[in-house]
């Protein structure tokens, strides 16, 4: 699951749904691993530790990738906010709501 998450292109619209799906599968897998570890079954703990180290390394890479993409998105949001401030500063707008104006002098 971690490898698939690393291969996701967050610029695609479907990536968000796929990320949620993969993360839910990861959660179920982690629960199964915890159950196996608690059952004291005949599991080769050396192989399990190696797998855990690999998964931890992949999780760190995912964290970095998500953090980098978060920075990209925050940069886009900042540009939108800057553009909105500039637009509001230089755009003449009416402060009156739509309605009728009655002239008492006529």
C-alpha atoms as a PDB file:
ATOM      1  CA  UNK A   1       0.000   0.000   0.000  1.00  0.00           C
ATOM      2  CA  UNK A   2       2.817   2.378   0.861  1.00  0.00           C
ATOM      3  CA  UNK A   3       4.454   1.862  -2.528  1.00  0.00           C
ATOM      4  CA  UNK A   4       1.160   2.596  -4.276  1.00  0.00           C
ATOM      5  CA  UNK A   5       0.729   5.766  -2.216  1.00  0.00           C
ATOM      6  CA  UNK A   6       4.215   6.888  -3.197  1.00  0.00           C
ATOM      7  CA  UNK A   7       3.344   6.363  -6.852  1.00  0.00           C
ATOM      8  CA  UNK A   8       0.170   8.481  -6.681  1.00  0.00           C
ATOM      9  CA  UNK A   9       0.147  11.677  -8.701  1.00  0.00           C
ATOM     10  CA  UNK A  10      -1.614  14.192  -6.473  1.00  0.00           C
ATOM     11  CA  UNK A  11      -2.231  16.486  -9.431  1.00  0.00           C
ATOM     12  CA  UNK A  12      -4.877  14.036 -10.677  1.00  0.00           C
ATOM     13  CA  UNK A  13      -8.441  14.374  -9.391  1.00  0.00           C
ATOM     14  CA  UNK A  14      -8.793  10.665  -8.605  1.00  0.00           C
ATOM     15  CA  UNK A  15      -5.665  10.636  -6.404  1.00  0.00           C
ATOM     16  CA  UNK A  16      -7.516  11.882  -3.334  1.00  0.00           C
ATOM     17  CA  UNK A  17     -10.070   9.066  -3.420  1.00  0.00           C
ATOM     18  CA  UNK A  18      -7.359   6.498  -4.143  1.00  0.00           C
ATOM     19  CA  UNK A  19      -5.263   7.826  -1.233  1.00  0.00           C
ATOM     20  CA  UNK A  20      -8.201   7.455   1.165  1.00  0.00           C
ATOM     21  CA  UNK A  21      -8.844   3.931  -0.102  1.00  0.00           C
ATOM     22  CA  UNK A  22      -5.198   2.902   0.305  1.00  0.00           C
ATOM     23  CA  UNK A  23      -5.002   4.418   3.772  1.00  0.00           C
ATOM     24  CA  UNK A  24      -8.094   2.501   4.899  1.00  0.00           C
ATOM     25  CA  UNK A  25      -6.541  -0.735   3.605  1.00  0.00           C
ATOM     26  CA  UNK A  26      -3.356   0.165   5.487  1.00  0.00           C
ATOM     27  CA  UNK A  27      -5.355   0.591   8.684  1.00  0.00           C
ATOM     28  CA  UNK A  28      -6.950  -2.854   8.339  1.00  0.00           C
ATOM     29  CA  UNK A  29      -3.552  -4.384   7.550  1.00  0.00           C
ATOM     30  CA  UNK A  30      -1.989  -2.773  10.625  1.00  0.00           C
ATOM     31  CA  UNK A  31      -4.768  -4.178  12.798  1.00  0.00           C
ATOM     32  CA  UNK A  32      -4.178  -7.651  11.375  1.00  0.00           C
ATOM     33  CA  UNK A  33      -0.445  -7.346  12.025  1.00  0.00           C
ATOM     34  CA  UNK A  34      -1.131  -6.317  15.620  1.00  0.00           C
ATOM     35  CA  UNK A  35      -3.436  -9.320  16.063  1.00  0.00           C
ATOM     36  CA  UNK A  36      -0.776 -11.693  14.722  1.00  0.00           C
ATOM     37  CA  UNK A  37       1.910 -10.140  16.922  1.00  0.00           C
ATOM     38  CA  UNK A  38      -0.296 -10.538  20.014  1.00  0.00           C
ATOM     39  CA  UNK A  39      -1.220 -14.140  19.231  1.00  0.00           C
ATOM     40  CA  UNK A  40       2.308 -15.430  19.948  1.00  0.00           C
ATOM     41  CA  UNK A  41       2.172 -17.602  16.856  1.00  0.00           C
ATOM     42  CA  UNK A  42       5.197 -19.178  15.214  1.00  0.00           C
ATOM     43  CA  UNK A  43       6.167 -16.163  13.123  1.00  0.00           C
ATOM     44  CA  UNK A  44       9.726 -15.482  12.003  1.00  0.00           C
ATOM     45  CA  UNK A  45      10.293 -12.275  13.964  1.00  0.00           C
ATOM     46  CA  UNK A  46      13.471 -11.438  12.018  1.00  0.00           C
ATOM     47  CA  UNK A  47      11.540 -11.307   8.757  1.00  0.00           C
ATOM     48  CA  UNK A  48       8.775  -9.318  10.431  1.00  0.00           C
ATOM     49  CA  UNK A  49      11.278  -6.789  11.768  1.00  0.00           C
ATOM     50  CA  UNK A  50      12.832  -6.400   8.322  1.00  0.00           C
ATOM     51  CA  UNK A  51       9.399  -5.812   6.847  1.00  0.00           C
ATOM     52  CA  UNK A  52       8.575  -3.279   9.556  1.00  0.00           C
ATOM     53  CA  UNK A  53      11.810  -1.386   8.857  1.00  0.00           C
ATOM     54  CA  UNK A  54      10.959  -1.278   5.144  1.00  0.00           C
ATOM     55  CA  UNK A  55       7.415  -0.095   5.867  1.00  0.00           C
ATOM     56  CA  UNK A  56       8.686   2.560   8.262  1.00  0.00           C
ATOM     57  CA  UNK A  57      11.073   3.854   5.613  1.00  0.00           C
ATOM     58  CA  UNK A  58       8.244   3.996   3.069  1.00  0.00           C
ATOM     59  CA  UNK A  59       6.013   5.790   5.580  1.00  0.00           C
ATOM     60  CA  UNK A  60       8.720   8.423   6.065  1.00  0.00           C
ATOM     61  CA  UNK A  61       8.888   8.902   2.289  1.00  0.00           C
ATOM     62  CA  UNK A  62       5.091   9.249   2.167  1.00  0.00           C
ATOM     63  CA  UNK A  63       5.194  11.842   4.939  1.00  0.00           C
ATOM     64  CA  UNK A  64       7.785  13.838   2.994  1.00  0.00           C
ATOM     65  CA  UNK A  65       5.776  13.555  -0.234  1.00  0.00           C
ATOM     66  CA  UNK A  66       2.546  14.679   1.463  1.00  0.00           C
ATOM     67  CA  UNK A  67       4.344  17.513   3.218  1.00  0.00           C
ATOM     68  CA  UNK A  68       5.866  18.700  -0.057  1.00  0.00           C
ATOM     69  CA  UNK A  69       2.480  18.588  -1.764  1.00  0.00           C
ATOM     70  CA  UNK A  70       0.934  20.445   1.162  1.00  0.00           C
ATOM     71  CA  UNK A  71       3.558  23.166   0.676  1.00  0.00           C
ATOM     72  CA  UNK A  72       2.650  23.363  -3.027  1.00  0.00           C
ATOM     73  CA  UNK A  73      -1.051  23.703  -2.196  1.00  0.00           C
ATOM     74  CA  UNK A  74      -0.354  26.330   0.455  1.00  0.00           C
ATOM     75  CA  UNK A  75       1.634  28.264  -2.150  1.00  0.00           C
ATOM     76  CA  UNK A  76      -1.344  28.173  -4.518  1.00  0.00           C
ATOM     77  CA  UNK A  77      -3.675  29.331  -1.739  1.00  0.00           C
ATOM     78  CA  UNK A  78      -1.314  32.175  -0.898  1.00  0.00           C
ATOM     79  CA  UNK A  79      -1.322  33.285  -4.548  1.00  0.00           C
ATOM     80  CA  UNK A  80      -5.134  33.259  -4.582  1.00  0.00           C
ATOM     81  CA  UNK A  81      -5.276  35.325  -1.398  1.00  0.00           C
ATOM     82  CA  UNK A  82      -2.734  37.805  -2.744  1.00  0.00           C
ATOM     83  CA  UNK A  83      -4.694  38.145  -5.977  1.00  0.00           C
ATOM     84  CA  UNK A  84      -7.925  38.643  -4.045  1.00  0.00           C
ATOM     85  CA  UNK A  85      -6.377  41.383  -1.918  1.00  0.00           C
ATOM     86  CA  UNK A  86      -5.047  43.142  -5.013  1.00  0.00           C
ATOM     87  CA  UNK A  87      -8.391  42.810  -6.778  1.00  0.00           C
ATOM     88  CA  UNK A  88     -10.285  44.226  -3.808  1.00  0.00           C
ATOM     89  CA  UNK A  89      -7.816  47.069  -3.432  1.00  0.00           C
ATOM     90  CA  UNK A  90      -8.014  48.297  -7.026  1.00  0.00           C
ATOM     91  CA  UNK A  91     -11.505  47.268  -8.031  1.00  0.00           C
ATOM     92  CA  UNK A  92     -14.181  49.852  -7.466  1.00  0.00           C
ATOM     93  CA  UNK A  93     -17.207  48.160  -6.070  1.00  0.00           C
ATOM     94  CA  UNK A  94     -20.590  49.340  -5.023  1.00  0.00           C
ATOM     95  CA  UNK A  95     -21.397  49.125  -1.356  1.00  0.00           C
ATOM     96  CA  UNK A  96     -25.143  49.295  -1.906  1.00  0.00           C
ATOM     97  CA  UNK A  97     -27.272  46.224  -2.239  1.00  0.00           C
ATOM     98  CA  UNK A  98     -29.696  45.931  -5.099  1.00  0.00           C
ATOM     99  CA  UNK A  99     -32.975  47.684  -4.482  1.00  0.00           C
ATOM    100  CA  UNK A 100     -34.935  50.829  -5.135  1.00  0.00           C
ATOM    101  CA  UNK A 101     -33.980  54.412  -4.525  1.00  0.00           C
ATOM    102  CA  UNK A 102     -36.794  56.833  -3.674  1.00  0.00           C
ATOM    103  CA  UNK A 103     -36.173  60.513  -4.243  1.00  0.00           C
ATOM    104  CA  UNK A 104     -38.208  62.585  -1.765  1.00  0.00           C
ATOM    105  CA  UNK A 105     -37.821  65.758  -3.846  1.00  0.00           C
ATOM    106  CA  UNK A 106     -39.916  64.527  -6.742  1.00  0.00           C
END
